[in-house]
Amino acid sequence: MIVSVVNVADIVKNMTNMSMIIEMIFKNE
């Protein structure tokens, strides 16, 4: 179960990073 929680946290962190990168790209345009 601990591994699952860590994986979920990593996925959430990656999604947050992706959304931030996408935001930066749109801002540049």
C-alpha atoms as a PDB file:
ATOM      1  CA  MET A   1       0.000   0.000   0.000  1.00  0.00           C
ATOM      2  CA  ILE A   2       2.851   2.401   0.834  1.00  0.00           C
ATOM      3  CA  VAL A   3       4.281   1.870  -2.660  1.00  0.00           C
ATOM      4  CA  SER A   4       0.881   2.712  -4.191  1.00  0.00           C
ATOM      5  CA  VAL A   5       0.683   5.958  -2.211  1.00  0.00           C
ATOM      6  CA  VAL A   6       4.192   6.923  -3.349  1.00  0.00           C
ATOM      7  CA  ASN A   7       3.314   6.137  -6.963  1.00  0.00           C
ATOM      8  CA  VAL A   8       0.162   8.269  -6.747  1.00  0.00           C
ATOM      9  CA  ALA A   9       2.168  11.139  -5.245  1.00  0.00           C
ATOM     10  CA  ASP A  10       4.712  10.878  -8.087  1.00  0.00           C
ATOM     11  CA  ILE A  11       1.924  10.851 -10.690  1.00  0.00           C
ATOM     12  CA  VAL A  12       0.310  13.932  -9.128  1.00  0.00           C
ATOM     13  CA  LYS A  13       3.684  15.688  -9.033  1.00  0.00           C
ATOM     14  CA  ASN A  14       4.331  14.818 -12.695  1.00  0.00           C
ATOM     15  CA  MET A  15       0.863  16.067 -13.702  1.00  0.00           C
ATOM     16  CA  THR A  16       1.510  19.333 -11.842  1.00  0.00           C
ATOM     17  CA  ASN A  17       4.853  19.739 -13.619  1.00  0.00           C
ATOM     18  CA  MET A  18       3.229  19.029 -16.988  1.00  0.00           C
ATOM     19  CA  SER A  19       0.474  21.599 -16.400  1.00  0.00           C
ATOM     20  CA  MET A  20       3.099  24.175 -15.364  1.00  0.00           C
ATOM     21  CA  ILE A  21       5.158  23.488 -18.507  1.00  0.00           C
ATOM     22  CA  ILE A  22       2.044  23.719 -20.693  1.00  0.00           C
ATOM     23  CA  GLU A  23       1.175  27.018 -18.998  1.00  0.00           C
ATOM     24  CA  MET A  24       4.661  28.368 -19.743  1.00  0.00           C
ATOM     25  CA  ILE A  25       4.386  27.315 -23.409  1.00  0.00           C
ATOM     26  CA  PHE A  26       1.010  29.046 -23.790  1.00  0.00           C
ATOM     27  CA  LYS A  27       2.351  32.161 -22.033  1.00  0.00           C
ATOM     28  CA  ASN A  28       5.297  32.326 -24.455  1.00  0.00           C
ATOM     29  CA  GLU A  29       2.883  32.264 -27.399  1.00  0.00           C
END
